[in-house]
Amino acid sequence: MKKKKVLITGAAGFLGSHLCDRFIREGFHVIGMDNLITGDLKNIQHLFQLEHFEFYHHDVTKFIHIPGHLDYILHFASPASPIDYLKIPIQTLKVGAMGTHNCLGLAKAKGARILVASTSEVYGDPLVHPQTEEYWGNVNPVGPRGVYDEAKRYMESITMAYHTFHGVDTRIVRIFNTYGPRMRLNDGRALPAFIGQALRGEDLTVFGDGSQTRSFCYVDDLIDGIYRLLMSDYIMPVNIGNPDEISLKDFAEEILELTGNKVRIVHKPLPVDDPRQRQPDITKAKKNLGWQPKVSRKEGLKITYDYFKSLPSEEWSKQPKEFISQK
């Protein structure tokens, strides 16, 4: 029997590489695609020996050609960390607009189902809590985070336009804070930044008074939610994340307890447009996908810390002295 074939863009990134693993396990022929601006081949090097994995070094903002049939597309190509999208803002906008357009055109041509990776950042600094999929958001389009937030909002709009106008079979996942092995220590987000600072024996940097909240979902849970959404019949956006909310000050304390580090927590001014609250309402995921997270934060943090600790010490030194968002 001919294997189902899936294209995963952003395949060498944190989430893309875990998606490649999942679809290989599910018996698919996986085509990974990445331009390696922020991705790293070491995340997928274990797959290159497999018969049913192939890799295209390609920028999805250029025309995409895939020979033969294609059953599914997962569009995960995009800078996702503040350090990246503030450093390459134009590329971030282009991959959300032109890259999504090209992926949708490919899905239309192949008759493939496509799932696009949106984000909780479409909600901006939310005025409702927790965030439901019906909330339209509070986004500053000309602020420093606007290049990422608006790229994802446009991605959702053009995806729905292709669904309603061209009849393309589409899915939209809104991803909340995620963590786990293969995250980059130097990606500028709170969790890897805290662990990196702890590994180097530095004080942990918390922006503001630390009362702002986040909800962290372990990567295996997130990947399962994405897989279930792709295989479902639900076409509207779905939040996938862990609603177990924690303040960043308390989270920093958890990291100190995990690492046994005796350093201090120091406070810096809040960055522009940094969201004060972030917690997903996952009612739709529970109802339509039968999904909810299973891995506790304590369990997931232990696995993630052990992964970071196993990296060569020179990897720790790549961490910026300060991170720029507590996304």
C-alpha atoms as a PDB file:
ATOM      1  CA  MET A   1       0.000   0.000   0.000  1.00  0.00           C
ATOM      2  CA  LYS A   2       1.273   3.459  -0.936  1.00  0.00           C
ATOM      3  CA  LYS A   3       2.332   5.470   2.111  1.00  0.00           C
ATOM      4  CA  LYS A   4       0.634   8.760   2.862  1.00  0.00           C
ATOM      5  CA  LYS A   5       2.982  11.639   2.123  1.00  0.00           C
ATOM      6  CA  VAL A   6       3.321  14.777   4.277  1.00  0.00           C
ATOM      7  CA  LEU A   7       5.324  17.960   3.729  1.00  0.00           C
ATOM      8  CA  ILE A   8       6.520  19.695   6.913  1.00  0.00           C
ATOM      9  CA  THR A   9       7.958  23.186   6.466  1.00  0.00           C
ATOM     10  CA  GLY A  10      10.287  24.466   9.176  1.00  0.00           C
ATOM     11  CA  ALA A  11      11.286  20.815   9.622  1.00  0.00           C
ATOM     12  CA  ALA A  12      14.689  21.527  11.179  1.00  0.00           C
ATOM     13  CA  GLY A  13      13.201  23.725  13.892  1.00  0.00           C
ATOM     14  CA  PHE A  14      12.103  22.810  17.412  1.00  0.00           C
ATOM     15  CA  LEU A  15       8.484  21.909  16.632  1.00  0.00           C
ATOM     16  CA  GLY A  16       9.064  20.899  13.022  1.00  0.00           C
ATOM     17  CA  SER A  17      11.608  18.259  13.989  1.00  0.00           C
ATOM     18  CA  HIS A  18       9.268  16.745  16.582  1.00  0.00           C
ATOM     19  CA  LEU A  19       6.493  16.693  13.973  1.00  0.00           C
ATOM     20  CA  CYS A  20       8.812  14.811  11.593  1.00  0.00           C
ATOM     21  CA  ASP A  21       9.396  12.219  14.335  1.00  0.00           C
ATOM     22  CA  ARG A  22       5.675  11.825  14.998  1.00  0.00           C
ATOM     23  CA  PHE A  23       4.712  11.365  11.352  1.00  0.00           C
ATOM     24  CA  ILE A  24       7.528   8.865  10.775  1.00  0.00           C
ATOM     25  CA  ARG A  25       6.203   6.871  13.762  1.00  0.00           C
ATOM     26  CA  GLU A  26       2.691   7.050  12.291  1.00  0.00           C
ATOM     27  CA  GLY A  27       3.949   5.443   9.074  1.00  0.00           C
ATOM     28  CA  PHE A  28       4.030   8.448   6.746  1.00  0.00           C
ATOM     29  CA  HIS A  29       6.559   9.329   4.080  1.00  0.00           C
ATOM     30  CA  VAL A  30       7.871  12.647   5.416  1.00  0.00           C
ATOM     31  CA  ILE A  31       9.310  15.468   3.319  1.00  0.00           C
ATOM     32  CA  GLY A  32      11.068  18.037   5.496  1.00  0.00           C
ATOM     33  CA  MET A  33      11.696  21.540   4.161  1.00  0.00           C
ATOM     34  CA  ASP A  34      13.730  24.334   5.774  1.00  0.00           C
ATOM     35  CA  ASN A  35      15.963  27.218   4.684  1.00  0.00           C
ATOM     36  CA  LEU A  36      17.959  26.802   7.944  1.00  0.00           C
ATOM     37  CA  ILE A  37      17.843  30.506   8.880  1.00  0.00           C
ATOM     38  CA  THR A  38      16.768  29.528  12.389  1.00  0.00           C
ATOM     39  CA  GLY A  39      16.505  25.726  12.046  1.00  0.00           C
ATOM     40  CA  ASP A  40      19.366  23.294  12.630  1.00  0.00           C
ATOM     41  CA  LEU A  41      20.015  20.052  10.761  1.00  0.00           C
ATOM     42  CA  LYS A  42      21.179  18.382  13.975  1.00  0.00           C
ATOM     43  CA  ASN A  43      17.493  18.292  15.029  1.00  0.00           C
ATOM     44  CA  ILE A  44      16.677  15.898  12.176  1.00  0.00           C
ATOM     45  CA  GLN A  45      20.029  14.225  11.465  1.00  0.00           C
ATOM     46  CA  HIS A  46      18.740  10.984  12.980  1.00  0.00           C
ATOM     47  CA  LEU A  47      16.105  10.838  10.212  1.00  0.00           C
ATOM     48  CA  PHE A  48      18.388  11.106   7.176  1.00  0.00           C
ATOM     49  CA  GLN A  49      19.173   7.384   7.231  1.00  0.00           C
ATOM     50  CA  LEU A  50      15.484   6.487   6.902  1.00  0.00           C
ATOM     51  CA  GLU A  51      13.971   5.381   3.612  1.00  0.00           C
ATOM     52  CA  HIS A  52      10.790   7.360   4.173  1.00  0.00           C
ATOM     53  CA  PHE A  53      12.340  10.713   5.031  1.00  0.00           C
ATOM     54  CA  GLU A  54      13.692  13.263   2.578  1.00  0.00           C
ATOM     55  CA  PHE A  55      14.851  16.831   3.056  1.00  0.00           C
ATOM     56  CA  TYR A  56      14.605  19.888   0.794  1.00  0.00           C
ATOM     57  CA  HIS A  57      16.828  22.878   1.624  1.00  0.00           C
ATOM     58  CA  HIS A  58      14.400  25.521   0.375  1.00  0.00           C
ATOM     59  CA  ASP A  59      12.884  28.888   1.273  1.00  0.00           C
ATOM     60  CA  VAL A  60       9.080  28.629   1.192  1.00  0.00           C
ATOM     61  CA  THR A  61       8.758  32.280   0.156  1.00  0.00           C
ATOM     62  CA  LYS A  62       9.964  30.998  -3.236  1.00  0.00           C
ATOM     63  CA  PHE A  63       7.864  28.723  -5.457  1.00  0.00           C
ATOM     64  CA  ILE A  64       7.534  25.226  -3.953  1.00  0.00           C
ATOM     65  CA  HIS A  65       7.749  22.172  -6.189  1.00  0.00           C
ATOM     66  CA  ILE A  66       7.094  18.702  -4.799  1.00  0.00           C
ATOM     67  CA  PRO A  67       6.909  15.866  -7.347  1.00  0.00           C
ATOM     68  CA  GLY A  68       4.185  13.262  -7.115  1.00  0.00           C
ATOM     69  CA  HIS A  69       1.234  13.066  -4.791  1.00  0.00           C
ATOM     70  CA  LEU A  70       0.967  14.897  -1.485  1.00  0.00           C
ATOM     71  CA  ASP A  71      -1.645  14.180   1.171  1.00  0.00           C
ATOM     72  CA  TYR A  72      -0.866  16.695   3.935  1.00  0.00           C
ATOM     73  CA  ILE A  73       1.081  19.907   4.473  1.00  0.00           C
ATOM     74  CA  LEU A  74       2.068  21.311   7.873  1.00  0.00           C
ATOM     75  CA  HIS A  75       3.324  24.879   7.528  1.00  0.00           C
ATOM     76  CA  PHE A  76       5.664  25.539  10.460  1.00  0.00           C
ATOM     77  CA  ALA A  77       8.287  27.676   8.699  1.00  0.00           C
ATOM     78  CA  SER A  78       8.700  30.908  10.659  1.00  0.00           C
ATOM     79  CA  PRO A  79      11.025  32.521  13.167  1.00  0.00           C
ATOM     80  CA  ALA A  80       9.293  32.020  16.516  1.00  0.00           C
ATOM     81  CA  SER A  81      11.559  33.585  19.110  1.00  0.00           C
ATOM     82  CA  PRO A  82      11.728  37.327  19.804  1.00  0.00           C
ATOM     83  CA  ILE A  83      15.475  37.418  19.175  1.00  0.00           C
ATOM     84  CA  ASP A  84      14.921  35.968  15.692  1.00  0.00           C
ATOM     85  CA  TYR A  85      11.931  37.949  14.521  1.00  0.00           C
ATOM     86  CA  LEU A  86      13.342  41.239  15.777  1.00  0.00           C
ATOM     87  CA  LYS A  87      16.608  40.482  13.964  1.00  0.00           C
ATOM     88  CA  ILE A  88      14.946  39.407  10.693  1.00  0.00           C
ATOM     89  CA  PRO A  89      11.596  41.227  10.668  1.00  0.00           C
ATOM     90  CA  ILE A  90      11.131  41.334   6.892  1.00  0.00           C
ATOM     91  CA  GLN A  91      11.768  37.601   6.502  1.00  0.00           C
ATOM     92  CA  THR A  92       9.290  36.981   9.334  1.00  0.00           C
ATOM     93  CA  LEU A  93       6.572  38.915   7.525  1.00  0.00           C
ATOM     94  CA  LYS A  94       7.418  37.269   4.192  1.00  0.00           C
ATOM     95  CA  VAL A  95       7.222  33.708   5.495  1.00  0.00           C
ATOM     96  CA  GLY A  96       3.855  34.468   7.125  1.00  0.00           C
ATOM     97  CA  ALA A  97       2.501  36.045   3.931  1.00  0.00           C
ATOM     98  CA  MET A  98       4.312  34.753   0.822  1.00  0.00           C
ATOM     99  CA  GLY A  99       5.332  31.457   2.420  1.00  0.00           C
ATOM    100  CA  THR A 100       1.776  30.716   3.511  1.00  0.00           C
ATOM    101  CA  HIS A 101       0.480  31.749   0.067  1.00  0.00           C
ATOM    102  CA  ASN A 102       2.869  29.308  -1.619  1.00  0.00           C
ATOM    103  CA  CYS A 103       1.968  26.471   0.757  1.00  0.00           C
ATOM    104  CA  LEU A 104      -1.748  27.066   0.208  1.00  0.00           C
ATOM    105  CA  GLY A 105      -1.212  27.143  -3.560  1.00  0.00           C
ATOM    106  CA  LEU A 106       0.602  23.811  -3.308  1.00  0.00           C
ATOM    107  CA  ALA A 107      -2.220  22.348  -1.212  1.00  0.00           C
ATOM    108  CA  LYS A 108      -4.739  23.503  -3.827  1.00  0.00           C
ATOM    109  CA  ALA A 109      -2.706  22.020  -6.690  1.00  0.00           C
ATOM    110  CA  LYS A 110      -2.184  18.680  -4.928  1.00  0.00           C
ATOM    111  CA  GLY A 111      -5.599  18.390  -3.300  1.00  0.00           C
ATOM    112  CA  ALA A 112      -3.802  18.138   0.048  1.00  0.00           C
ATOM    113  CA  ARG A 113      -5.059  19.047   3.508  1.00  0.00           C
ATOM    114  CA  ILE A 114      -2.986  21.840   5.057  1.00  0.00           C
ATOM    115  CA  LEU A 115      -2.487  22.813   8.715  1.00  0.00           C
ATOM    116  CA  VAL A 116      -0.899  26.190   9.439  1.00  0.00           C
ATOM    117  CA  ALA A 117       0.890  27.054  12.667  1.00  0.00           C
ATOM    118  CA  SER A 118      -0.563  30.175  14.203  1.00  0.00           C
ATOM    119  CA  THR A 119       0.162  31.318  17.729  1.00  0.00           C
ATOM    120  CA  SER A 120      -1.267  32.771  20.912  1.00  0.00           C
ATOM    121  CA  GLU A 121       0.490  35.975  19.837  1.00  0.00           C
ATOM    122  CA  VAL A 122      -2.527  36.708  17.604  1.00  0.00           C
ATOM    123  CA  TYR A 123      -4.212  37.679  20.886  1.00  0.00           C
ATOM    124  CA  GLY A 124      -1.502  40.288  21.606  1.00  0.00           C
ATOM    125  CA  ASP A 125      -1.614  41.640  25.156  1.00  0.00           C
ATOM    126  CA  PRO A 126      -5.059  40.159  25.851  1.00  0.00           C
ATOM    127  CA  LEU A 127      -7.928  42.023  27.483  1.00  0.00           C
ATOM    128  CA  VAL A 128      -9.833  38.780  28.164  1.00  0.00           C
ATOM    129  CA  HIS A 129      -8.615  35.890  30.284  1.00  0.00           C
ATOM    130  CA  PRO A 130      -8.278  33.031  29.559  1.00  0.00           C
ATOM    131  CA  GLN A 131      -8.121  33.465  25.786  1.00  0.00           C
ATOM    132  CA  THR A 132     -10.824  31.764  23.723  1.00  0.00           C
ATOM    133  CA  GLU A 133     -10.656  31.309  19.963  1.00  0.00           C
ATOM    134  CA  GLU A 134     -13.456  33.876  19.539  1.00  0.00           C
ATOM    135  CA  TYR A 135     -11.297  36.655  21.022  1.00  0.00           C
ATOM    136  CA  TRP A 136      -9.978  38.960  18.265  1.00  0.00           C
ATOM    137  CA  GLY A 137      -6.960  40.186  20.181  1.00  0.00           C
ATOM    138  CA  ASN A 138      -5.248  43.386  21.293  1.00  0.00           C
ATOM    139  CA  VAL A 139      -2.281  43.749  18.942  1.00  0.00           C
ATOM    140  CA  ASN A 140      -0.065  46.753  18.205  1.00  0.00           C
ATOM    141  CA  PRO A 141       0.625  46.427  14.444  1.00  0.00           C
ATOM    142  CA  VAL A 142       3.497  48.950  14.480  1.00  0.00           C
ATOM    143  CA  GLY A 143       5.175  47.814  17.711  1.00  0.00           C
ATOM    144  CA  PRO A 144       8.329  45.672  17.738  1.00  0.00           C
ATOM    145  CA  ARG A 145       6.323  42.447  18.043  1.00  0.00           C
ATOM    146  CA  GLY A 146       3.935  43.421  15.243  1.00  0.00           C
ATOM    147  CA  VAL A 147       6.038  41.738  12.552  1.00  0.00           C
ATOM    148  CA  TYR A 148       5.369  38.353  14.153  1.00  0.00           C
ATOM    149  CA  ASP A 149       1.858  38.964  15.478  1.00  0.00           C
ATOM    150  CA  GLU A 150       0.515  40.395  12.235  1.00  0.00           C
ATOM    151  CA  ALA A 151       2.276  37.790  10.084  1.00  0.00           C
ATOM    152  CA  LYS A 152       0.359  35.116  11.977  1.00  0.00           C
ATOM    153  CA  ARG A 153      -2.923  37.030  11.814  1.00  0.00           C
ATOM    154  CA  TYR A 154      -2.504  37.384   8.041  1.00  0.00           C
ATOM    155  CA  MET A 155      -1.662  33.678   7.852  1.00  0.00           C
ATOM    156  CA  GLU A 156      -4.997  32.834   9.434  1.00  0.00           C
ATOM    157  CA  SER A 157      -6.884  35.217   7.115  1.00  0.00           C
ATOM    158  CA  ILE A 158      -5.402  33.904   3.865  1.00  0.00           C
ATOM    159  CA  THR A 159      -5.861  30.317   5.049  1.00  0.00           C
ATOM    160  CA  MET A 160      -9.570  30.876   5.622  1.00  0.00           C
ATOM    161  CA  ALA A 161      -9.810  32.710   2.271  1.00  0.00           C
ATOM    162  CA  TYR A 162      -8.331  29.682   0.479  1.00  0.00           C
ATOM    163  CA  HIS A 163     -10.774  27.469   2.333  1.00  0.00           C
ATOM    164  CA  THR A 164     -13.880  29.504   1.518  1.00  0.00           C
ATOM    165  CA  PHE A 165     -12.931  30.665  -2.016  1.00  0.00           C
ATOM    166  CA  HIS A 166     -10.938  27.694  -3.364  1.00  0.00           C
ATOM    167  CA  GLY A 167     -12.326  24.917  -1.177  1.00  0.00           C
ATOM    168  CA  VAL A 168      -8.893  23.968   0.185  1.00  0.00           C
ATOM    169  CA  ASP A 169      -9.063  21.619   3.174  1.00  0.00           C
ATOM    170  CA  THR A 170      -7.475  23.727   5.945  1.00  0.00           C
ATOM    171  CA  ARG A 171      -6.737  23.569   9.684  1.00  0.00           C
ATOM    172  CA  ILE A 172      -5.417  26.331  11.976  1.00  0.00           C
ATOM    173  CA  VAL A 173      -3.643  25.670  15.283  1.00  0.00           C
ATOM    174  CA  ARG A 174      -2.957  28.480  17.759  1.00  0.00           C
ATOM    175  CA  ILE A 175       0.100  27.385  19.707  1.00  0.00           C
ATOM    176  CA  PHE A 176       0.696  28.599  23.255  1.00  0.00           C
ATOM    177  CA  ASN A 177       4.047  28.571  25.086  1.00  0.00           C
ATOM    178  CA  THR A 178       5.794  25.272  24.441  1.00  0.00           C
ATOM    179  CA  TYR A 179       9.020  23.752  25.725  1.00  0.00           C
ATOM    180  CA  GLY A 180      11.093  20.598  25.602  1.00  0.00           C
ATOM    181  CA  PRO A 181      14.227  19.051  24.100  1.00  0.00           C
ATOM    182  CA  ARG A 182      15.640  20.744  20.957  1.00  0.00           C
ATOM    183  CA  MET A 183      14.673  24.226  22.075  1.00  0.00           C
ATOM    184  CA  ARG A 184      17.545  26.617  21.516  1.00  0.00           C
ATOM    185  CA  LEU A 185      19.146  27.909  24.682  1.00  0.00           C
ATOM    186  CA  ASN A 186      19.764  31.242  22.929  1.00  0.00           C
ATOM    187  CA  ASP A 187      16.292  31.829  21.520  1.00  0.00           C
ATOM    188  CA  GLY A 188      15.454  34.640  23.937  1.00  0.00           C
ATOM    189  CA  ARG A 189      12.397  33.143  25.637  1.00  0.00           C
ATOM    190  CA  ALA A 190      11.887  32.816  29.364  1.00  0.00           C
ATOM    191  CA  LEU A 191      12.254  29.064  29.876  1.00  0.00           C
ATOM    192  CA  PRO A 192      15.529  28.456  28.008  1.00  0.00           C
ATOM    193  CA  ALA A 193      16.844  31.805  29.246  1.00  0.00           C
ATOM    194  CA  PHE A 194      16.197  30.892  32.899  1.00  0.00           C
ATOM    195  CA  ILE A 195      17.775  27.453  32.475  1.00  0.00           C
ATOM    196  CA  GLY A 196      20.747  28.886  30.571  1.00  0.00           C
ATOM    197  CA  GLN A 197      21.356  31.495  33.266  1.00  0.00           C
ATOM    198  CA  ALA A 198      21.092  28.824  35.965  1.00  0.00           C
ATOM    199  CA  LEU A 199      23.534  26.535  34.132  1.00  0.00           C
ATOM    200  CA  ARG A 200      26.072  29.370  33.971  1.00  0.00           C
ATOM    201  CA  GLY A 201      25.515  30.381  37.594  1.00  0.00           C
ATOM    202  CA  GLU A 202      24.091  33.781  36.632  1.00  0.00           C
ATOM    203  CA  ASP A 203      21.221  35.649  38.274  1.00  0.00           C
ATOM    204  CA  LEU A 204      17.819  34.959  36.697  1.00  0.00           C
ATOM    205  CA  THR A 205      16.338  37.960  34.866  1.00  0.00           C
ATOM    206  CA  VAL A 206      12.621  38.637  35.384  1.00  0.00           C
ATOM    207  CA  PHE A 207      11.007  41.557  33.581  1.00  0.00           C
ATOM    208  CA  GLY A 208       8.697  43.812  35.573  1.00  0.00           C
ATOM    209  CA  ASP A 209       7.570  42.579  38.974  1.00  0.00           C
ATOM    210  CA  GLY A 210       7.151  39.027  37.671  1.00  0.00           C
ATOM    211  CA  SER A 211       3.376  38.989  38.142  1.00  0.00           C
ATOM    212  CA  GLN A 212       2.758  38.458  34.412  1.00  0.00           C
ATOM    213  CA  THR A 213       1.654  34.902  33.697  1.00  0.00           C
ATOM    214  CA  ARG A 214       2.413  32.174  31.167  1.00  0.00           C
ATOM    215  CA  SER A 215       1.145  28.650  30.554  1.00  0.00           C
ATOM    216  CA  PHE A 216       3.779  26.128  29.438  1.00  0.00           C
ATOM    217  CA  CYS A 217       2.923  23.017  27.409  1.00  0.00           C
ATOM    218  CA  TYR A 218       5.380  20.131  27.024  1.00  0.00           C
ATOM    219  CA  VAL A 219       6.269  19.454  23.399  1.00  0.00           C
ATOM    220  CA  ASP A 220       4.963  15.857  23.247  1.00  0.00           C
ATOM    221  CA  ASP A 221       1.513  17.042  24.355  1.00  0.00           C
ATOM    222  CA  LEU A 222       1.542  19.859  21.812  1.00  0.00           C
ATOM    223  CA  ILE A 223       2.547  17.563  18.927  1.00  0.00           C
ATOM    224  CA  ASP A 224      -0.263  15.176  19.843  1.00  0.00           C
ATOM    225  CA  GLY A 225      -2.771  18.043  19.771  1.00  0.00           C
ATOM    226  CA  ILE A 226      -1.523  19.172  16.357  1.00  0.00           C
ATOM    227  CA  TYR A 227      -1.746  15.632  14.967  1.00  0.00           C
ATOM    228  CA  ARG A 228      -5.283  15.229  16.274  1.00  0.00           C
ATOM    229  CA  LEU A 229      -6.337  18.565  14.770  1.00  0.00           C
ATOM    230  CA  LEU A 230      -4.906  17.652  11.360  1.00  0.00           C
ATOM    231  CA  MET A 231      -6.838  14.378  11.383  1.00  0.00           C
ATOM    232  CA  SER A 232     -10.074  15.986  12.613  1.00  0.00           C
ATOM    233  CA  ASP A 233     -12.876  17.604  10.619  1.00  0.00           C
ATOM    234  CA  TYR A 234     -12.661  20.904  12.533  1.00  0.00           C
ATOM    235  CA  ILE A 235     -11.729  23.877  10.300  1.00  0.00           C
ATOM    236  CA  MET A 236     -11.778  26.834  12.705  1.00  0.00           C
ATOM    237  CA  PRO A 237      -8.758  27.891  14.819  1.00  0.00           C
ATOM    238  CA  VAL A 238      -8.020  25.729  17.873  1.00  0.00           C
ATOM    239  CA  ASN A 239      -5.939  26.669  20.915  1.00  0.00           C
ATOM    240  CA  ILE A 240      -3.373  24.013  21.825  1.00  0.00           C
ATOM    241  CA  GLY A 241      -1.560  24.657  25.079  1.00  0.00           C
ATOM    242  CA  ASN A 242      -1.505  23.853  28.767  1.00  0.00           C
ATOM    243  CA  PRO A 243      -3.889  26.004  30.862  1.00  0.00           C
ATOM    244  CA  ASP A 244      -1.798  25.456  34.029  1.00  0.00           C
ATOM    245  CA  GLU A 245      -0.969  29.137  34.528  1.00  0.00           C
ATOM    246  CA  ILE A 246       1.992  30.414  36.570  1.00  0.00           C
ATOM    247  CA  SER A 247       3.526  33.828  37.232  1.00  0.00           C
ATOM    248  CA  LEU A 248       7.010  34.360  35.864  1.00  0.00           C
ATOM    249  CA  LYS A 249       8.346  35.102  39.338  1.00  0.00           C
ATOM    250  CA  ASP A 250       7.036  31.746  40.595  1.00  0.00           C
ATOM    251  CA  PHE A 251       8.338  30.079  37.450  1.00  0.00           C
ATOM    252  CA  ALA A 252      11.823  31.458  38.078  1.00  0.00           C
ATOM    253  CA  GLU A 253      11.605  30.044  41.618  1.00  0.00           C
ATOM    254  CA  GLU A 254      10.696  26.634  40.158  1.00  0.00           C
ATOM    255  CA  ILE A 255      13.766  26.757  37.907  1.00  0.00           C
ATOM    256  CA  LEU A 256      15.990  27.597  40.896  1.00  0.00           C
ATOM    257  CA  GLU A 257      14.523  24.676  42.846  1.00  0.00           C
ATOM    258  CA  LEU A 258      14.976  22.332  39.862  1.00  0.00           C
ATOM    259  CA  THR A 259      18.595  23.311  39.288  1.00  0.00           C
ATOM    260  CA  GLY A 260      19.563  23.659  42.952  1.00  0.00           C
ATOM    261  CA  ASN A 261      21.099  27.004  42.048  1.00  0.00           C
ATOM    262  CA  LYS A 262      21.581  29.641  44.754  1.00  0.00           C
ATOM    263  CA  VAL A 263      21.654  32.716  42.488  1.00  0.00           C
ATOM    264  CA  ARG A 264      19.267  35.648  42.862  1.00  0.00           C
ATOM    265  CA  ILE A 265      16.257  36.730  40.814  1.00  0.00           C
ATOM    266  CA  VAL A 266      16.833  40.233  39.425  1.00  0.00           C
ATOM    267  CA  HIS A 267      14.213  42.489  37.853  1.00  0.00           C
ATOM    268  CA  LYS A 268      14.419  44.544  34.641  1.00  0.00           C
ATOM    269  CA  PRO A 269      11.849  46.873  32.986  1.00  0.00           C
ATOM    270  CA  LEU A 270       9.078  45.244  30.952  1.00  0.00           C
ATOM    271  CA  PRO A 271       9.693  45.138  27.177  1.00  0.00           C
ATOM    272  CA  VAL A 272       7.284  46.948  24.837  1.00  0.00           C
ATOM    273  CA  ASP A 273       3.983  45.103  24.260  1.00  0.00           C
ATOM    274  CA  ASP A 274       5.021  42.078  26.329  1.00  0.00           C
ATOM    275  CA  PRO A 275       1.726  40.328  27.203  1.00  0.00           C
ATOM    276  CA  ARG A 276       0.704  40.466  30.878  1.00  0.00           C
ATOM    277  CA  GLN A 277      -1.350  37.277  30.808  1.00  0.00           C
ATOM    278  CA  ARG A 278      -1.281  34.163  28.674  1.00  0.00           C
ATOM    279  CA  GLN A 279      -3.562  31.200  29.312  1.00  0.00           C
ATOM    280  CA  PRO A 280      -5.394  29.102  26.716  1.00  0.00           C
ATOM    281  CA  ASP A 281      -9.017  28.130  26.936  1.00  0.00           C
ATOM    282  CA  ILE A 282      -8.812  24.564  25.551  1.00  0.00           C
ATOM    283  CA  THR A 283     -12.542  23.772  25.610  1.00  0.00           C
ATOM    284  CA  LYS A 284     -12.614  23.351  21.821  1.00  0.00           C
ATOM    285  CA  ALA A 285      -9.586  21.044  21.815  1.00  0.00           C
ATOM    286  CA  LYS A 286     -11.184  18.866  24.494  1.00  0.00           C
ATOM    287  CA  LYS A 287     -14.558  18.762  22.741  1.00  0.00           C
ATOM    288  CA  ASN A 288     -13.472  18.408  19.103  1.00  0.00           C
ATOM    289  CA  LEU A 289     -10.151  16.582  19.412  1.00  0.00           C
ATOM    290  CA  GLY A 290     -10.478  14.679  22.673  1.00  0.00           C
ATOM    291  CA  TRP A 291      -7.192  16.339  23.626  1.00  0.00           C
ATOM    292  CA  GLN A 292      -5.757  17.743  26.807  1.00  0.00           C
ATOM    293  CA  PRO A 293      -2.171  17.916  28.101  1.00  0.00           C
ATOM    294  CA  LYS A 294      -0.885  14.972  30.115  1.00  0.00           C
ATOM    295  CA  VAL A 295       2.680  15.919  31.083  1.00  0.00           C
ATOM    296  CA  SER A 296       2.973  17.977  34.282  1.00  0.00           C
ATOM    297  CA  ARG A 297       5.236  21.013  34.324  1.00  0.00           C
ATOM    298  CA  LYS A 298       7.438  19.391  36.967  1.00  0.00           C
ATOM    299  CA  GLU A 299       7.922  16.277  34.808  1.00  0.00           C
ATOM    300  CA  GLY A 300       8.451  18.226  31.582  1.00  0.00           C
ATOM    301  CA  LEU A 301      10.916  20.670  33.134  1.00  0.00           C
ATOM    302  CA  LYS A 302      13.024  17.810  34.492  1.00  0.00           C
ATOM    303  CA  ILE A 303      13.287  16.239  31.006  1.00  0.00           C
ATOM    304  CA  THR A 304      14.083  19.620  29.438  1.00  0.00           C
ATOM    305  CA  TYR A 305      16.686  20.545  32.050  1.00  0.00           C
ATOM    306  CA  ASP A 306      18.409  17.182  31.651  1.00  0.00           C
ATOM    307  CA  TYR A 307      18.494  17.766  27.877  1.00  0.00           C
ATOM    308  CA  PHE A 308      20.068  21.221  28.228  1.00  0.00           C
ATOM    309  CA  LYS A 309      22.525  19.951  30.837  1.00  0.00           C
ATOM    310  CA  SER A 310      23.633  17.213  28.428  1.00  0.00           C
ATOM    311  CA  LEU A 311      24.649  19.769  25.779  1.00  0.00           C
ATOM    312  CA  PRO A 312      28.326  20.732  25.425  1.00  0.00           C
ATOM    313  CA  SER A 313      29.168  23.629  27.749  1.00  0.00           C
ATOM    314  CA  GLU A 314      29.952  25.869  24.766  1.00  0.00           C
ATOM    315  CA  GLU A 315      26.243  25.698  23.898  1.00  0.00           C
ATOM    316  CA  TRP A 316      25.432  27.343  27.226  1.00  0.00           C
ATOM    317  CA  SER A 317      27.737  30.262  26.449  1.00  0.00           C
ATOM    318  CA  LYS A 318      25.714  31.121  23.323  1.00  0.00           C
ATOM    319  CA  GLN A 319      22.890  32.318  25.531  1.00  0.00           C
ATOM    320  CA  PRO A 320      22.502  36.108  25.347  1.00  0.00           C
ATOM    321  CA  LYS A 321      23.370  37.905  28.595  1.00  0.00           C
ATOM    322  CA  GLU A 322      19.800  39.192  28.666  1.00  0.00           C
ATOM    323  CA  PHE A 323      16.700  37.919  26.966  1.00  0.00           C
ATOM    324  CA  ILE A 324      14.215  40.301  25.433  1.00  0.00           C
ATOM    325  CA  SER A 325      10.793  38.838  26.019  1.00  0.00           C
ATOM    326  CA  GLN A 326       9.089  36.583  28.477  1.00  0.00           C
ATOM    327  CA  LYS A 327       6.991  35.085  25.720  1.00  0.00           C
END
